[in-house]
Amino acid sequence: MLRIQLTLQRTRILLAGGILLIALFALPIVTNQTQPPATSNPPTAQPQPTIPPPTATPSYRPGTIVLGMGEHSCALTPAGNQPSLTLGDGCDDVEERLRLPNSGTIWLSLTISDQPDLWLPLDIITDDPTPPQLDQRGRYFGCTQDGEQVCQVKVEIDTGAYQIAIPLTLDGAAGGA
């Protein structure tokens, strides 16, 4: 019984010492510096930098949507009078890589050139006989065509929706037809 009481007493002493140690570290550090006299001039306030008011996000301008395929990319351009985009003049490097075996999938991405980290909401085109596979996060779509030669997807930017049409070259020799 005496041994239990000694153990309890030691435990209480250690616990009290631990609380005291924690309290000492929690207290602010007091220094022996004197307060400046009350008659001294207060420090002058530094002018705060002015922050310009937020500007509205600029509306989408054709040519700022970028199609990406691996390490290769190119800007899309308007196609006709409707809100649709397709490969532009500087897309030869990407166009050469748009070869799709009959049983394969090509994954492409869409970004805005001045906001590359923005995930664009993609959707399939209504009544598309062979719609692409969509990554649920946005931006990426997989073209798996069985006889079709255009991969289509719809992207929403600001308040508008744009149809993207990417021409594919079917590679019959690599497929299993």
N, C-alpha and C. Protein backbone atom coordinates (compact mmCIF):
# COMPACT_ATOMS: atom_id res chain seq x y z
N MET A 1 0.82 -1.18 0.00
CA MET A 1 0.00 0.00 0.00
C MET A 1 0.87 1.26 0.00
N LEU A 2 1.93 1.22 0.78
CA LEU A 2 2.86 2.34 0.85
C LEU A 2 3.52 2.58 -0.51
N ARG A 3 3.82 1.49 -1.20
CA ARG A 3 4.46 1.58 -2.52
C ARG A 3 3.51 2.27 -3.52
N ILE A 4 2.22 1.99 -3.44
CA ILE A 4 1.24 2.61 -4.34
C ILE A 4 1.15 4.10 -4.04
N GLN A 5 1.16 4.48 -2.75
CA GLN A 5 1.08 5.89 -2.39
C GLN A 5 2.32 6.64 -2.88
N LEU A 6 3.50 6.04 -2.77
CA LEU A 6 4.73 6.69 -3.25
C LEU A 6 4.69 6.87 -4.77
N THR A 7 4.19 5.86 -5.46
CA THR A 7 4.07 5.94 -6.92
C THR A 7 3.11 7.05 -7.32
N LEU A 8 1.98 7.16 -6.62
CA LEU A 8 1.01 8.23 -6.91
C LEU A 8 1.61 9.59 -6.62
N GLN A 9 2.37 9.71 -5.55
CA GLN A 9 2.99 10.98 -5.19
C GLN A 9 4.02 11.39 -6.25
N ARG A 10 4.82 10.45 -6.71
CA ARG A 10 5.81 10.75 -7.75
C ARG A 10 5.13 11.16 -9.05
N THR A 11 4.06 10.47 -9.37
CA THR A 11 3.31 10.79 -10.59
C THR A 11 2.76 12.21 -10.52
N ARG A 12 2.21 12.59 -9.37
CA ARG A 12 1.67 13.94 -9.20
C ARG A 12 2.77 14.99 -9.32
N ILE A 13 3.93 14.70 -8.75
CA ILE A 13 5.05 15.65 -8.81
C ILE A 13 5.51 15.81 -10.26
N LEU A 14 5.65 14.71 -10.99
CA LEU A 14 6.05 14.77 -12.41
C LEU A 14 5.02 15.51 -13.24
N LEU A 15 3.74 15.26 -12.98
CA LEU A 15 2.67 15.93 -13.70
C LEU A 15 2.69 17.43 -13.43
N ALA A 16 2.86 17.81 -12.15
CA ALA A 16 2.92 19.23 -11.79
C ALA A 16 4.13 19.88 -12.45
N GLY A 17 5.27 19.19 -12.47
CA GLY A 17 6.46 19.74 -13.11
C GLY A 17 6.26 19.91 -14.61
N GLY A 18 5.59 18.96 -15.24
CA GLY A 18 5.32 19.06 -16.68
C GLY A 18 4.41 20.22 -16.99
N ILE A 19 3.37 20.42 -16.16
CA ILE A 19 2.45 21.54 -16.39
C ILE A 19 3.19 22.86 -16.20
N LEU A 20 4.04 22.93 -15.19
CA LEU A 20 4.82 24.14 -14.96
C LEU A 20 5.74 24.43 -16.14
N LEU A 21 6.36 23.41 -16.68
CA LEU A 21 7.25 23.57 -17.82
C LEU A 21 6.49 24.07 -19.05
N ILE A 22 5.32 23.50 -19.27
CA ILE A 22 4.50 23.93 -20.41
C ILE A 22 4.06 25.38 -20.21
N ALA A 23 3.68 25.74 -18.99
CA ALA A 23 3.24 27.10 -18.72
C ALA A 23 4.37 28.10 -18.93
N LEU A 24 5.59 27.73 -18.57
CA LEU A 24 6.72 28.63 -18.77
C LEU A 24 6.97 28.89 -20.26
N PHE A 25 6.85 27.87 -21.07
CA PHE A 25 7.05 28.06 -22.51
C PHE A 25 5.91 28.80 -23.16
N ALA A 26 4.75 28.77 -22.55
CA ALA A 26 3.59 29.45 -23.12
C ALA A 26 3.57 30.93 -22.78
N LEU A 27 4.27 31.35 -21.74
CA LEU A 27 4.29 32.76 -21.35
C LEU A 27 5.12 33.57 -22.33
N PRO A 28 4.72 34.83 -22.54
CA PRO A 28 5.54 35.67 -23.42
C PRO A 28 6.87 35.98 -22.74
N ILE A 29 7.87 36.17 -23.56
CA ILE A 29 9.20 36.46 -23.05
C ILE A 29 9.24 37.94 -22.68
N VAL A 30 9.66 38.24 -21.45
CA VAL A 30 9.74 39.62 -20.97
C VAL A 30 11.21 40.03 -21.00
N THR A 31 11.47 41.19 -21.56
CA THR A 31 12.85 41.69 -21.62
C THR A 31 12.97 42.90 -20.72
N ASN A 32 14.16 43.35 -20.51
CA ASN A 32 14.42 44.51 -19.67
C ASN A 32 14.51 45.80 -20.48
N GLN A 33 13.91 45.84 -21.62
CA GLN A 33 13.94 47.05 -22.44
C GLN A 33 12.98 48.06 -21.85
N THR A 34 13.36 49.30 -21.91
CA THR A 34 12.50 50.36 -21.39
C THR A 34 11.56 50.83 -22.48
N GLN A 35 10.44 51.34 -22.07
CA GLN A 35 9.46 51.89 -23.01
C GLN A 35 9.96 53.24 -23.51
N PRO A 36 9.73 53.57 -24.76
CA PRO A 36 10.13 54.89 -25.24
C PRO A 36 9.31 55.96 -24.51
N PRO A 37 9.87 57.13 -24.33
CA PRO A 37 9.12 58.19 -23.65
C PRO A 37 7.85 58.53 -24.42
N ALA A 38 6.84 58.94 -23.68
CA ALA A 38 5.53 59.24 -24.29
C ALA A 38 5.60 60.45 -25.19
N THR A 39 6.60 61.28 -25.04
CA THR A 39 6.69 62.51 -25.83
C THR A 39 7.36 62.30 -27.18
N SER A 40 7.92 61.11 -27.42
CA SER A 40 8.60 60.90 -28.71
C SER A 40 7.56 60.82 -29.83
N ASN A 41 8.02 61.13 -31.02
CA ASN A 41 7.13 61.10 -32.17
C ASN A 41 6.78 59.66 -32.52
N PRO A 42 5.50 59.41 -32.75
CA PRO A 42 5.14 58.05 -33.17
C PRO A 42 5.69 57.79 -34.57
N PRO A 43 5.97 56.54 -34.88
CA PRO A 43 6.49 56.25 -36.22
C PRO A 43 5.45 56.63 -37.27
N THR A 44 5.97 57.13 -38.38
CA THR A 44 5.05 57.53 -39.45
C THR A 44 4.54 56.28 -40.16
N ALA A 45 3.30 56.34 -40.51
CA ALA A 45 2.68 55.20 -41.19
C ALA A 45 3.22 55.11 -42.61
N GLN A 46 3.59 53.91 -43.00
CA GLN A 46 4.06 53.69 -44.35
C GLN A 46 2.85 53.65 -45.27
N PRO A 47 2.94 54.27 -46.43
CA PRO A 47 1.79 54.20 -47.35
C PRO A 47 1.58 52.75 -47.80
N GLN A 48 0.33 52.34 -47.78
CA GLN A 48 -0.02 50.99 -48.21
C GLN A 48 -0.12 50.97 -49.73
N PRO A 49 0.37 49.89 -50.35
CA PRO A 49 0.24 49.82 -51.82
C PRO A 49 -1.23 49.73 -52.20
N THR A 50 -1.56 50.42 -53.25
CA THR A 50 -2.95 50.37 -53.71
C THR A 50 -3.15 49.14 -54.57
N ILE A 51 -4.22 48.47 -54.31
CA ILE A 51 -4.56 47.27 -55.08
C ILE A 51 -5.60 47.68 -56.11
N PRO A 52 -5.32 47.42 -57.37
CA PRO A 52 -6.30 47.82 -58.38
C PRO A 52 -7.58 47.03 -58.20
N PRO A 53 -8.70 47.64 -58.53
CA PRO A 53 -9.97 46.93 -58.39
C PRO A 53 -9.99 45.72 -59.32
N PRO A 54 -10.68 44.65 -58.90
CA PRO A 54 -10.72 43.46 -59.76
C PRO A 54 -11.40 43.79 -61.08
N THR A 55 -10.83 43.25 -62.11
CA THR A 55 -11.41 43.46 -63.43
C THR A 55 -12.19 42.21 -63.82
N ALA A 56 -13.14 42.38 -64.64
CA ALA A 56 -13.93 41.25 -65.10
C ALA A 56 -13.06 40.33 -65.94
N THR A 57 -13.30 39.04 -65.83
CA THR A 57 -12.56 38.08 -66.64
C THR A 57 -12.85 38.36 -68.10
N PRO A 58 -11.80 38.52 -68.90
CA PRO A 58 -12.07 38.82 -70.31
C PRO A 58 -12.81 37.67 -70.97
N SER A 59 -13.70 38.03 -71.86
CA SER A 59 -14.44 37.00 -72.57
C SER A 59 -13.49 36.23 -73.47
N TYR A 60 -13.89 35.05 -73.80
CA TYR A 60 -13.09 34.18 -74.66
C TYR A 60 -12.95 34.79 -76.04
N ARG A 61 -11.74 34.75 -76.54
CA ARG A 61 -11.46 35.18 -77.91
C ARG A 61 -10.95 33.97 -78.67
N PRO A 62 -11.52 33.67 -79.84
CA PRO A 62 -11.04 32.51 -80.60
C PRO A 62 -9.54 32.56 -80.82
N GLY A 63 -8.93 31.41 -80.72
CA GLY A 63 -7.49 31.32 -80.90
C GLY A 63 -6.75 31.16 -79.59
N THR A 64 -7.45 31.32 -78.46
CA THR A 64 -6.78 31.18 -77.18
C THR A 64 -6.96 29.78 -76.60
N ILE A 65 -7.78 28.94 -77.22
CA ILE A 65 -7.93 27.56 -76.79
C ILE A 65 -6.79 26.76 -77.41
N VAL A 66 -6.12 25.96 -76.57
CA VAL A 66 -4.98 25.19 -77.03
C VAL A 66 -5.31 23.70 -76.94
N LEU A 67 -5.09 22.99 -78.02
CA LEU A 67 -5.23 21.54 -78.05
C LEU A 67 -3.88 20.94 -77.72
N GLY A 68 -3.85 20.05 -76.76
CA GLY A 68 -2.61 19.41 -76.38
C GLY A 68 -2.65 17.92 -76.62
N MET A 69 -1.51 17.40 -77.07
CA MET A 69 -1.37 15.96 -77.29
C MET A 69 0.03 15.59 -76.84
N GLY A 70 0.13 15.11 -75.60
CA GLY A 70 1.46 14.83 -75.05
C GLY A 70 2.23 16.12 -74.90
N GLU A 71 3.42 16.16 -75.47
CA GLU A 71 4.26 17.35 -75.38
C GLU A 71 4.00 18.34 -76.52
N HIS A 72 3.08 18.01 -77.40
CA HIS A 72 2.80 18.84 -78.56
C HIS A 72 1.47 19.55 -78.36
N SER A 73 1.40 20.81 -78.83
CA SER A 73 0.16 21.57 -78.70
C SER A 73 0.07 22.59 -79.81
N CYS A 74 -1.15 23.09 -80.02
CA CYS A 74 -1.36 24.15 -81.00
C CYS A 74 -2.67 24.87 -80.69
N ALA A 75 -2.77 26.11 -81.14
CA ALA A 75 -3.95 26.93 -80.91
C ALA A 75 -5.03 26.54 -81.92
N LEU A 76 -6.26 26.47 -81.43
CA LEU A 76 -7.40 26.19 -82.30
C LEU A 76 -7.93 27.50 -82.86
N THR A 77 -8.53 27.41 -84.06
CA THR A 77 -9.07 28.60 -84.71
C THR A 77 -10.54 28.39 -85.03
N PRO A 78 -11.28 29.50 -85.22
CA PRO A 78 -12.71 29.38 -85.55
C PRO A 78 -12.92 28.62 -86.85
N ALA A 79 -14.01 27.87 -86.88
CA ALA A 79 -14.38 27.13 -88.09
C ALA A 79 -15.78 27.57 -88.51
N GLY A 80 -15.84 28.42 -89.50
CA GLY A 80 -17.14 28.88 -89.99
C GLY A 80 -17.72 29.98 -89.11
N ASN A 81 -19.02 30.25 -89.31
CA ASN A 81 -19.69 31.32 -88.59
C ASN A 81 -20.24 30.89 -87.24
N GLN A 82 -20.33 29.60 -86.98
CA GLN A 82 -20.87 29.13 -85.71
C GLN A 82 -19.78 29.04 -84.66
N PRO A 83 -20.17 28.94 -83.38
CA PRO A 83 -19.15 28.87 -82.32
C PRO A 83 -18.47 27.51 -82.28
N SER A 84 -17.61 27.26 -83.27
CA SER A 84 -16.86 26.01 -83.31
C SER A 84 -15.41 26.30 -83.64
N LEU A 85 -14.53 25.40 -83.17
CA LEU A 85 -13.10 25.55 -83.36
C LEU A 85 -12.51 24.28 -83.93
N THR A 86 -11.41 24.43 -84.66
CA THR A 86 -10.70 23.29 -85.21
C THR A 86 -9.21 23.63 -85.27
N LEU A 87 -8.41 22.73 -85.81
CA LEU A 87 -6.97 22.93 -85.90
C LEU A 87 -6.65 24.18 -86.71
N GLY A 88 -5.67 24.96 -86.23
CA GLY A 88 -5.27 26.18 -86.91
C GLY A 88 -4.12 25.95 -87.87
N ASP A 89 -3.57 27.05 -88.40
CA ASP A 89 -2.49 26.97 -89.38
C ASP A 89 -1.22 26.38 -88.80
N GLY A 90 -0.88 26.67 -87.54
CA GLY A 90 0.37 26.19 -86.96
C GLY A 90 0.25 24.83 -86.30
N CYS A 91 -0.69 24.01 -86.75
CA CYS A 91 -0.95 22.72 -86.09
C CYS A 91 -0.41 21.53 -86.86
N ASP A 92 0.50 21.74 -87.80
CA ASP A 92 1.02 20.62 -88.61
C ASP A 92 1.66 19.55 -87.74
N ASP A 93 2.43 19.97 -86.72
CA ASP A 93 3.12 19.01 -85.85
C ASP A 93 2.12 18.13 -85.09
N VAL A 94 1.03 18.73 -84.62
CA VAL A 94 0.01 17.96 -83.90
C VAL A 94 -0.80 17.11 -84.89
N GLU A 95 -1.13 17.69 -86.03
CA GLU A 95 -1.94 16.98 -87.02
C GLU A 95 -1.28 15.69 -87.49
N GLU A 96 0.06 15.70 -87.60
CA GLU A 96 0.79 14.49 -88.00
C GLU A 96 0.63 13.36 -86.98
N ARG A 97 0.39 13.71 -85.72
CA ARG A 97 0.30 12.71 -84.64
C ARG A 97 -1.13 12.25 -84.38
N LEU A 98 -2.09 12.79 -85.09
CA LEU A 98 -3.49 12.41 -84.88
C LEU A 98 -3.84 11.16 -85.69
N ARG A 99 -3.00 10.16 -85.63
CA ARG A 99 -3.22 8.88 -86.31
C ARG A 99 -3.80 7.93 -85.29
N LEU A 100 -4.91 7.36 -85.63
CA LEU A 100 -5.64 6.52 -84.68
C LEU A 100 -5.87 5.14 -85.25
N PRO A 101 -5.33 4.10 -84.61
CA PRO A 101 -5.66 2.75 -85.06
C PRO A 101 -7.14 2.49 -84.80
N ASN A 102 -7.73 1.60 -85.57
CA ASN A 102 -9.17 1.33 -85.44
C ASN A 102 -9.58 0.96 -84.03
N SER A 103 -8.71 0.30 -83.29
CA SER A 103 -9.08 -0.15 -81.94
C SER A 103 -8.39 0.67 -80.84
N GLY A 104 -7.82 1.83 -81.18
CA GLY A 104 -7.05 2.60 -80.21
C GLY A 104 -7.77 3.83 -79.69
N THR A 105 -7.11 4.50 -78.76
CA THR A 105 -7.62 5.73 -78.17
C THR A 105 -6.51 6.76 -78.14
N ILE A 106 -6.83 7.97 -78.54
CA ILE A 106 -5.90 9.10 -78.43
C ILE A 106 -6.48 10.05 -77.38
N TRP A 107 -5.67 10.39 -76.37
CA TRP A 107 -6.11 11.33 -75.34
C TRP A 107 -5.58 12.72 -75.68
N LEU A 108 -6.49 13.68 -75.69
CA LEU A 108 -6.16 15.06 -76.01
C LEU A 108 -6.59 15.95 -74.84
N SER A 109 -6.05 17.15 -74.77
CA SER A 109 -6.45 18.08 -73.72
C SER A 109 -6.78 19.44 -74.31
N LEU A 110 -7.62 20.18 -73.61
CA LEU A 110 -7.95 21.55 -73.99
C LEU A 110 -7.61 22.47 -72.83
N THR A 111 -6.89 23.55 -73.13
CA THR A 111 -6.57 24.55 -72.12
C THR A 111 -6.74 25.93 -72.73
N ILE A 112 -6.77 26.94 -71.89
CA ILE A 112 -6.76 28.32 -72.35
C ILE A 112 -5.32 28.80 -72.23
N SER A 113 -4.80 29.43 -73.26
CA SER A 113 -3.37 29.77 -73.31
C SER A 113 -2.93 30.66 -72.15
N ASP A 114 -3.76 31.61 -71.72
CA ASP A 114 -3.33 32.49 -70.64
C ASP A 114 -3.75 31.98 -69.26
N GLN A 115 -4.44 30.84 -69.19
CA GLN A 115 -4.83 30.23 -67.92
C GLN A 115 -4.65 28.72 -68.02
N PRO A 116 -3.41 28.23 -68.15
CA PRO A 116 -3.19 26.81 -68.41
C PRO A 116 -3.61 25.89 -67.27
N ASP A 117 -3.75 26.41 -66.05
CA ASP A 117 -4.14 25.56 -64.92
C ASP A 117 -5.65 25.46 -64.75
N LEU A 118 -6.42 26.20 -65.53
CA LEU A 118 -7.87 26.18 -65.43
C LEU A 118 -8.42 24.90 -66.08
N TRP A 119 -9.23 24.17 -65.34
CA TRP A 119 -9.84 22.95 -65.87
C TRP A 119 -11.13 23.33 -66.58
N LEU A 120 -11.21 23.03 -67.85
CA LEU A 120 -12.38 23.40 -68.66
C LEU A 120 -13.43 22.30 -68.61
N PRO A 121 -14.68 22.65 -68.34
CA PRO A 121 -15.74 21.63 -68.35
C PRO A 121 -16.06 21.18 -69.78
N LEU A 122 -15.93 19.90 -70.00
CA LEU A 122 -16.18 19.33 -71.33
C LEU A 122 -17.48 18.54 -71.31
N ASP A 123 -18.10 18.42 -72.48
CA ASP A 123 -19.32 17.64 -72.62
C ASP A 123 -19.34 17.05 -74.02
N ILE A 124 -20.15 16.03 -74.20
CA ILE A 124 -20.25 15.42 -75.53
C ILE A 124 -21.25 16.21 -76.36
N ILE A 125 -21.14 16.06 -77.67
CA ILE A 125 -22.06 16.70 -78.61
C ILE A 125 -23.32 15.84 -78.70
N THR A 126 -24.47 16.47 -78.60
CA THR A 126 -25.73 15.74 -78.71
C THR A 126 -25.81 15.05 -80.06
N ASP A 127 -26.27 13.82 -80.06
CA ASP A 127 -26.44 12.99 -81.27
C ASP A 127 -25.13 12.62 -81.95
N ASP A 128 -24.01 12.70 -81.23
CA ASP A 128 -22.72 12.27 -81.79
C ASP A 128 -22.74 10.73 -81.79
N PRO A 129 -22.59 10.08 -82.95
CA PRO A 129 -22.65 8.62 -82.99
C PRO A 129 -21.49 7.94 -82.27
N THR A 130 -20.35 8.60 -82.19
CA THR A 130 -19.18 8.03 -81.48
C THR A 130 -18.58 9.11 -80.58
N PRO A 131 -19.22 9.38 -79.43
CA PRO A 131 -18.71 10.43 -78.55
C PRO A 131 -17.39 10.02 -77.91
N PRO A 132 -16.55 10.99 -77.59
CA PRO A 132 -15.26 10.69 -76.95
C PRO A 132 -15.45 10.30 -75.48
N GLN A 133 -14.43 9.69 -74.92
CA GLN A 133 -14.42 9.43 -73.48
C GLN A 133 -14.00 10.73 -72.80
N LEU A 134 -14.68 11.09 -71.70
CA LEU A 134 -14.36 12.32 -70.99
C LEU A 134 -13.74 12.00 -69.65
N ASP A 135 -12.65 12.69 -69.33
CA ASP A 135 -12.09 12.61 -67.98
C ASP A 135 -13.05 13.38 -67.08
N GLN A 136 -13.42 12.84 -65.95
CA GLN A 136 -14.43 13.46 -65.10
C GLN A 136 -14.01 14.81 -64.54
N ARG A 137 -12.71 15.12 -64.49
CA ARG A 137 -12.25 16.39 -63.95
C ARG A 137 -12.36 17.50 -64.97
N GLY A 138 -12.42 17.15 -66.25
CA GLY A 138 -12.42 18.15 -67.31
C GLY A 138 -11.09 18.16 -68.04
N ARG A 139 -10.99 18.95 -69.06
CA ARG A 139 -9.78 19.18 -69.85
C ARG A 139 -9.41 18.05 -70.78
N TYR A 140 -9.46 16.79 -70.36
CA TYR A 140 -9.00 15.67 -71.18
C TYR A 140 -10.18 14.93 -71.82
N PHE A 141 -9.97 14.52 -73.07
CA PHE A 141 -10.96 13.69 -73.74
C PHE A 141 -10.23 12.68 -74.62
N GLY A 142 -10.80 11.47 -74.68
CA GLY A 142 -10.19 10.38 -75.42
C GLY A 142 -11.00 10.06 -76.66
N CYS A 143 -10.36 10.12 -77.80
CA CYS A 143 -11.02 9.85 -79.06
C CYS A 143 -10.84 8.38 -79.41
N THR A 144 -11.92 7.66 -79.47
CA THR A 144 -11.92 6.26 -79.90
C THR A 144 -12.93 6.15 -81.01
N GLN A 145 -12.46 6.19 -82.20
CA GLN A 145 -13.34 6.23 -83.36
C GLN A 145 -13.40 4.88 -84.05
N ASP A 146 -14.58 4.48 -84.42
CA ASP A 146 -14.78 3.27 -85.22
C ASP A 146 -15.35 3.68 -86.56
N GLY A 147 -14.50 4.13 -87.44
CA GLY A 147 -14.94 4.52 -88.77
C GLY A 147 -15.16 6.02 -88.91
N GLU A 148 -15.34 6.76 -87.81
CA GLU A 148 -15.52 8.21 -87.90
C GLU A 148 -14.15 8.86 -88.03
N GLN A 149 -14.12 10.03 -88.66
CA GLN A 149 -12.84 10.69 -88.85
C GLN A 149 -12.77 12.06 -88.18
N VAL A 150 -13.73 12.36 -87.29
CA VAL A 150 -13.72 13.62 -86.56
C VAL A 150 -14.08 13.32 -85.11
N CYS A 151 -13.27 13.81 -84.20
CA CYS A 151 -13.55 13.68 -82.77
C CYS A 151 -14.11 15.01 -82.31
N GLN A 152 -15.31 14.99 -81.72
CA GLN A 152 -15.98 16.22 -81.33
C GLN A 152 -16.21 16.26 -79.82
N VAL A 153 -16.07 17.45 -79.26
CA VAL A 153 -16.35 17.67 -77.85
C VAL A 153 -16.84 19.11 -77.71
N LYS A 154 -17.63 19.36 -76.65
CA LYS A 154 -18.14 20.70 -76.39
C LYS A 154 -17.44 21.21 -75.14
N VAL A 155 -16.98 22.48 -75.16
CA VAL A 155 -16.32 23.10 -74.01
C VAL A 155 -17.08 24.37 -73.65
N GLU A 156 -17.22 24.60 -72.34
CA GLU A 156 -17.89 25.81 -71.87
C GLU A 156 -16.84 26.78 -71.34
N ILE A 157 -16.88 28.00 -71.88
CA ILE A 157 -15.96 29.06 -71.46
C ILE A 157 -16.79 30.30 -71.22
N ASP A 158 -16.60 30.90 -70.03
CA ASP A 158 -17.43 32.03 -69.61
C ASP A 158 -18.89 31.59 -69.70
N THR A 159 -19.65 32.26 -70.50
CA THR A 159 -21.06 31.91 -70.63
C THR A 159 -21.38 31.26 -71.96
N GLY A 160 -20.38 30.94 -72.75
CA GLY A 160 -20.61 30.35 -74.06
C GLY A 160 -20.12 28.92 -74.15
N ALA A 161 -20.73 28.18 -75.06
CA ALA A 161 -20.31 26.81 -75.34
C ALA A 161 -19.77 26.76 -76.76
N TYR A 162 -18.66 26.06 -76.93
CA TYR A 162 -18.00 25.97 -78.23
C TYR A 162 -17.80 24.52 -78.59
N GLN A 163 -18.05 24.22 -79.85
CA GLN A 163 -17.86 22.86 -80.35
C GLN A 163 -16.46 22.74 -80.92
N ILE A 164 -15.73 21.72 -80.47
CA ILE A 164 -14.37 21.47 -80.95
C ILE A 164 -14.44 20.25 -81.87
N ALA A 165 -13.90 20.37 -83.06
CA ALA A 165 -13.88 19.27 -84.02
C ALA A 165 -12.42 19.00 -84.41
N ILE A 166 -11.93 17.82 -84.06
CA ILE A 166 -10.55 17.45 -84.34
C ILE A 166 -10.53 16.34 -85.40
N PRO A 167 -9.96 16.63 -86.57
CA PRO A 167 -9.89 15.60 -87.61
C PRO A 167 -8.85 14.54 -87.26
N LEU A 168 -9.22 13.29 -87.48
CA LEU A 168 -8.32 12.16 -87.19
C LEU A 168 -7.98 11.43 -88.48
N THR A 169 -6.82 10.83 -88.50
CA THR A 169 -6.43 9.97 -89.60
C THR A 169 -6.51 8.54 -89.08
N LEU A 170 -7.37 7.74 -89.68
CA LEU A 170 -7.51 6.35 -89.27
C LEU A 170 -6.38 5.53 -89.86
N ASP A 171 -5.75 4.73 -89.06
CA ASP A 171 -4.64 3.88 -89.47
C ASP A 171 -5.15 2.45 -89.52
N GLY A 172 -5.66 2.02 -90.67
CA GLY A 172 -6.25 0.69 -90.81
C GLY A 172 -5.24 -0.42 -90.65
N ALA A 173 -3.96 -0.19 -90.95
CA ALA A 173 -2.96 -1.25 -90.86
C ALA A 173 -2.66 -1.63 -89.42
N ALA A 174 -2.77 -0.65 -88.48
CA ALA A 174 -2.43 -0.93 -87.08
C ALA A 174 -3.59 -1.56 -86.33
N GLY A 175 -4.81 -1.42 -86.86
CA GLY A 175 -5.97 -1.95 -86.16
C GLY A 175 -6.19 -3.41 -86.50
N GLY A 176 -7.30 -3.93 -86.02
CA GLY A 176 -7.54 -5.34 -86.25
C GLY A 176 -8.61 -5.60 -87.26
N ALA A 177 -8.87 -4.70 -88.23
CA ALA A 177 -9.95 -4.89 -89.19
C ALA A 177 -9.60 -5.88 -90.18
